[in-house]
Amino acid sequence: METNQQRPKNYLVESILVTIFCCLPLGIVGIINASKVNSAFDQGNYDEANKASADAKKWTRIGFIAGIIFVVLYLIFIFAMGGMAMLSGGGY
């Protein structure tokens, strides 16, 4: 059966990278949605495949942004604690 529909991007690689490096829970949600894309497309459920692709993209981006925010806040905390240690005379 030939179709004019183009297979949507599944964002599996991106979701795995977000899971490993940024935010585990949100990356897993991205992986779950990414894994639905190809099977839904192969079954002819094009709307479901497009929705799963959009959801995988959304959760992958949210996970990436959450990871970046966490790293920035962590660095601010570390520099603030180091600054307080130096001001209190606890530095070497």
N, C-alpha and C. Protein backbone atom coordinates (compact mmCIF):
# COMPACT_ATOMS: atom_id res chain seq x y z
N MET A 1 0.85 -1.17 0.00
CA MET A 1 0.00 0.00 0.00
C MET A 1 0.90 1.24 0.00
N GLU A 2 0.64 2.10 -0.92
CA GLU A 2 1.43 3.32 -1.04
C GLU A 2 0.65 4.48 -0.43
N THR A 3 1.37 5.32 0.26
CA THR A 3 0.72 6.45 0.92
C THR A 3 1.49 7.73 0.61
N ASN A 4 0.77 8.83 0.62
CA ASN A 4 1.40 10.14 0.42
C ASN A 4 1.90 10.72 1.73
N GLN A 5 1.59 10.05 2.83
CA GLN A 5 2.00 10.54 4.15
C GLN A 5 3.50 10.34 4.33
N GLN A 6 4.14 11.34 4.91
CA GLN A 6 5.56 11.23 5.22
C GLN A 6 5.68 10.82 6.69
N ARG A 7 6.58 9.88 6.95
CA ARG A 7 6.79 9.40 8.32
C ARG A 7 7.27 10.57 9.19
N PRO A 8 6.58 10.84 10.31
CA PRO A 8 7.02 11.93 11.18
C PRO A 8 8.29 11.55 11.94
N LYS A 9 9.04 12.56 12.30
CA LYS A 9 10.28 12.35 13.08
C LYS A 9 9.88 11.80 14.44
N ASN A 10 10.64 10.82 14.93
CA ASN A 10 10.24 10.22 16.20
C ASN A 10 10.98 10.78 17.42
N TYR A 11 12.05 11.54 17.25
CA TYR A 11 12.79 12.19 18.34
C TYR A 11 13.33 11.20 19.37
N LEU A 12 13.58 9.96 18.94
CA LEU A 12 14.07 8.95 19.88
C LEU A 12 15.49 9.26 20.35
N VAL A 13 16.37 9.61 19.43
CA VAL A 13 17.75 9.92 19.81
C VAL A 13 17.79 11.11 20.76
N GLU A 14 17.05 12.14 20.42
CA GLU A 14 17.02 13.34 21.27
C GLU A 14 16.48 13.02 22.66
N SER A 15 15.43 12.19 22.70
CA SER A 15 14.84 11.81 23.99
C SER A 15 15.82 11.02 24.84
N ILE A 16 16.57 10.12 24.22
CA ILE A 16 17.56 9.35 24.96
C ILE A 16 18.65 10.26 25.50
N LEU A 17 19.12 11.20 24.70
CA LEU A 17 20.16 12.13 25.16
C LEU A 17 19.66 13.00 26.31
N VAL A 18 18.42 13.46 26.22
CA VAL A 18 17.85 14.26 27.32
C VAL A 18 17.74 13.41 28.58
N THR A 19 17.36 12.15 28.41
CA THR A 19 17.24 11.26 29.57
C THR A 19 18.60 11.07 30.25
N ILE A 20 19.64 10.89 29.46
CA ILE A 20 20.97 10.64 30.02
C ILE A 20 21.59 11.90 30.62
N PHE A 21 21.49 13.02 29.92
CA PHE A 21 22.25 14.21 30.31
C PHE A 21 21.45 15.30 31.02
N CYS A 22 20.14 15.33 30.88
CA CYS A 22 19.40 16.48 31.40
C CYS A 22 18.42 16.13 32.50
N CYS A 23 17.37 15.43 32.13
CA CYS A 23 16.28 15.24 33.08
C CYS A 23 15.66 13.86 32.86
N LEU A 24 15.96 12.94 33.75
CA LEU A 24 15.54 11.55 33.60
C LEU A 24 14.03 11.38 33.45
N PRO A 25 13.19 11.91 34.33
CA PRO A 25 11.75 11.63 34.20
C PRO A 25 11.14 12.17 32.91
N LEU A 26 11.48 13.38 32.53
CA LEU A 26 10.89 13.96 31.33
C LEU A 26 11.46 13.31 30.07
N GLY A 27 12.71 12.89 30.12
CA GLY A 27 13.29 12.17 29.00
C GLY A 27 12.62 10.83 28.77
N ILE A 28 12.24 10.16 29.85
CA ILE A 28 11.54 8.88 29.73
C ILE A 28 10.18 9.08 29.08
N VAL A 29 9.49 10.14 29.44
CA VAL A 29 8.20 10.44 28.79
C VAL A 29 8.42 10.67 27.30
N GLY A 30 9.50 11.36 26.96
CA GLY A 30 9.84 11.57 25.55
C GLY A 30 10.11 10.26 24.84
N ILE A 31 10.84 9.35 25.48
CA ILE A 31 11.14 8.05 24.87
C ILE A 31 9.87 7.25 24.65
N ILE A 32 8.97 7.27 25.61
CA ILE A 32 7.71 6.53 25.47
C ILE A 32 6.93 7.04 24.27
N ASN A 33 6.83 8.35 24.15
CA ASN A 33 6.10 8.91 23.01
C ASN A 33 6.84 8.66 21.70
N ALA A 34 8.16 8.74 21.72
CA ALA A 34 8.95 8.50 20.51
C ALA A 34 8.79 7.08 20.02
N SER A 35 8.65 6.14 20.96
CA SER A 35 8.52 4.74 20.56
C SER A 35 7.16 4.44 19.93
N LYS A 36 6.19 5.30 20.12
CA LYS A 36 4.86 5.11 19.54
C LYS A 36 4.76 5.57 18.09
N VAL A 37 5.68 6.42 17.65
CA VAL A 37 5.57 7.06 16.34
C VAL A 37 5.60 6.04 15.20
N ASN A 38 6.65 5.24 15.13
CA ASN A 38 6.82 4.33 14.01
C ASN A 38 5.74 3.25 13.97
N SER A 39 5.39 2.71 15.13
CA SER A 39 4.38 1.65 15.12
C SER A 39 3.02 2.20 14.70
N ALA A 40 2.67 3.40 15.16
CA ALA A 40 1.40 3.99 14.75
C ALA A 40 1.40 4.29 13.26
N PHE A 41 2.50 4.79 12.74
CA PHE A 41 2.59 5.10 11.32
C PHE A 41 2.48 3.82 10.48
N ASP A 42 3.18 2.77 10.90
CA ASP A 42 3.15 1.51 10.15
C ASP A 42 1.77 0.87 10.16
N GLN A 43 0.97 1.14 11.18
CA GLN A 43 -0.39 0.62 11.25
C GLN A 43 -1.38 1.49 10.48
N GLY A 44 -0.91 2.60 9.95
CA GLY A 44 -1.78 3.49 9.19
C GLY A 44 -2.48 4.54 10.02
N ASN A 45 -2.13 4.63 11.30
CA ASN A 45 -2.71 5.64 12.19
C ASN A 45 -1.87 6.92 12.11
N TYR A 46 -2.04 7.66 11.03
CA TYR A 46 -1.18 8.81 10.76
C TYR A 46 -1.40 9.94 11.76
N ASP A 47 -2.65 10.15 12.15
CA ASP A 47 -2.92 11.21 13.14
C ASP A 47 -2.28 10.86 14.48
N GLU A 48 -2.38 9.60 14.87
CA GLU A 48 -1.77 9.16 16.13
C GLU A 48 -0.25 9.27 16.06
N ALA A 49 0.32 8.94 14.92
CA ALA A 49 1.78 9.04 14.75
C ALA A 49 2.23 10.50 14.84
N ASN A 50 1.49 11.40 14.22
CA ASN A 50 1.82 12.82 14.28
C ASN A 50 1.69 13.37 15.70
N LYS A 51 0.66 12.92 16.42
CA LYS A 51 0.47 13.36 17.80
C LYS A 51 1.60 12.84 18.69
N ALA A 52 1.96 11.57 18.52
CA ALA A 52 3.06 11.00 19.31
C ALA A 52 4.37 11.73 19.01
N SER A 53 4.59 12.09 17.75
CA SER A 53 5.79 12.83 17.38
C SER A 53 5.81 14.21 18.04
N ALA A 54 4.68 14.88 18.00
CA ALA A 54 4.58 16.21 18.63
C ALA A 54 4.78 16.11 20.14
N ASP A 55 4.21 15.07 20.75
CA ASP A 55 4.38 14.89 22.20
C ASP A 55 5.83 14.57 22.55
N ALA A 56 6.47 13.72 21.75
CA ALA A 56 7.88 13.40 21.99
C ALA A 56 8.74 14.66 21.89
N LYS A 57 8.48 15.47 20.88
CA LYS A 57 9.22 16.73 20.71
C LYS A 57 8.99 17.65 21.91
N LYS A 58 7.74 17.76 22.33
CA LYS A 58 7.39 18.64 23.46
C LYS A 58 8.11 18.20 24.73
N TRP A 59 8.04 16.91 25.08
CA TRP A 59 8.64 16.45 26.32
C TRP A 59 10.16 16.45 26.27
N THR A 60 10.71 16.24 25.08
CA THR A 60 12.16 16.32 24.93
C THR A 60 12.64 17.76 25.15
N ARG A 61 11.93 18.71 24.58
CA ARG A 61 12.30 20.12 24.79
C ARG A 61 12.13 20.55 26.23
N ILE A 62 11.02 20.14 26.85
CA ILE A 62 10.79 20.50 28.25
C ILE A 62 11.88 19.90 29.14
N GLY A 63 12.25 18.66 28.88
CA GLY A 63 13.32 18.01 29.64
C GLY A 63 14.65 18.70 29.46
N PHE A 64 14.95 19.11 28.23
CA PHE A 64 16.20 19.82 27.96
C PHE A 64 16.24 21.16 28.68
N ILE A 65 15.15 21.91 28.60
CA ILE A 65 15.08 23.21 29.27
C ILE A 65 15.17 23.04 30.78
N ALA A 66 14.49 22.03 31.33
CA ALA A 66 14.55 21.78 32.77
C ALA A 66 15.97 21.44 33.20
N GLY A 67 16.67 20.66 32.39
CA GLY A 67 18.06 20.32 32.69
C GLY A 67 18.96 21.54 32.69
N ILE A 68 18.77 22.41 31.70
CA ILE A 68 19.57 23.64 31.62
C ILE A 68 19.29 24.54 32.82
N ILE A 69 18.02 24.69 33.18
CA ILE A 69 17.67 25.52 34.34
C ILE A 69 18.29 24.96 35.61
N PHE A 70 18.23 23.63 35.77
CA PHE A 70 18.82 23.00 36.95
C PHE A 70 20.32 23.27 37.03
N VAL A 71 21.03 23.14 35.92
CA VAL A 71 22.48 23.36 35.92
C VAL A 71 22.79 24.81 36.25
N VAL A 72 22.05 25.75 35.69
CA VAL A 72 22.28 27.17 35.97
C VAL A 72 22.04 27.47 37.44
N LEU A 73 20.94 26.97 38.00
CA LEU A 73 20.65 27.20 39.41
C LEU A 73 21.71 26.55 40.30
N TYR A 74 22.16 25.37 39.92
CA TYR A 74 23.20 24.69 40.69
C TYR A 74 24.50 25.50 40.69
N LEU A 75 24.88 26.02 39.52
CA LEU A 75 26.10 26.83 39.45
C LEU A 75 25.97 28.11 40.26
N ILE A 76 24.81 28.74 40.21
CA ILE A 76 24.59 29.94 41.02
C ILE A 76 24.73 29.61 42.50
N PHE A 77 24.18 28.48 42.91
CA PHE A 77 24.27 28.05 44.31
C PHE A 77 25.72 27.81 44.71
N ILE A 78 26.47 27.11 43.87
CA ILE A 78 27.87 26.80 44.18
C ILE A 78 28.69 28.09 44.29
N PHE A 79 28.51 29.01 43.33
CA PHE A 79 29.26 30.27 43.39
C PHE A 79 28.85 31.11 44.59
N ALA A 80 27.57 31.09 44.95
CA ALA A 80 27.11 31.84 46.12
C ALA A 80 27.71 31.26 47.39
N MET A 81 27.76 29.95 47.50
CA MET A 81 28.34 29.33 48.69
C MET A 81 29.85 29.61 48.76
N GLY A 82 30.51 29.57 47.61
CA GLY A 82 31.94 29.88 47.60
C GLY A 82 32.20 31.33 47.99
N GLY A 83 31.35 32.23 47.50
CA GLY A 83 31.48 33.65 47.87
C GLY A 83 31.25 33.87 49.34
N MET A 84 30.27 33.18 49.92
CA MET A 84 30.01 33.32 51.35
C MET A 84 31.16 32.77 52.17
N ALA A 85 31.74 31.67 51.70
CA ALA A 85 32.88 31.09 52.43
C ALA A 85 34.06 32.04 52.41
N MET A 86 34.28 32.70 51.30
CA MET A 86 35.40 33.65 51.22
C MET A 86 35.14 34.87 52.09
N LEU A 87 33.89 35.35 52.12
CA LEU A 87 33.58 36.53 52.93
C LEU A 87 33.66 36.24 54.42
N SER A 88 33.37 35.01 54.80
CA SER A 88 33.41 34.70 56.22
C SER A 88 34.80 34.31 56.70
N GLY A 89 35.75 34.31 55.79
CA GLY A 89 37.13 34.00 56.17
C GLY A 89 37.42 32.52 56.18
N GLY A 90 36.55 31.74 55.61
CA GLY A 90 36.74 30.29 55.61
C GLY A 90 37.61 29.83 54.45
N GLY A 91 38.02 30.74 53.60
CA GLY A 91 38.86 30.36 52.47
C GLY A 91 40.30 30.14 52.89
N TYR A 92 41.06 29.49 52.08
CA TYR A 92 42.46 29.21 52.40
C TYR A 92 43.36 30.31 51.97
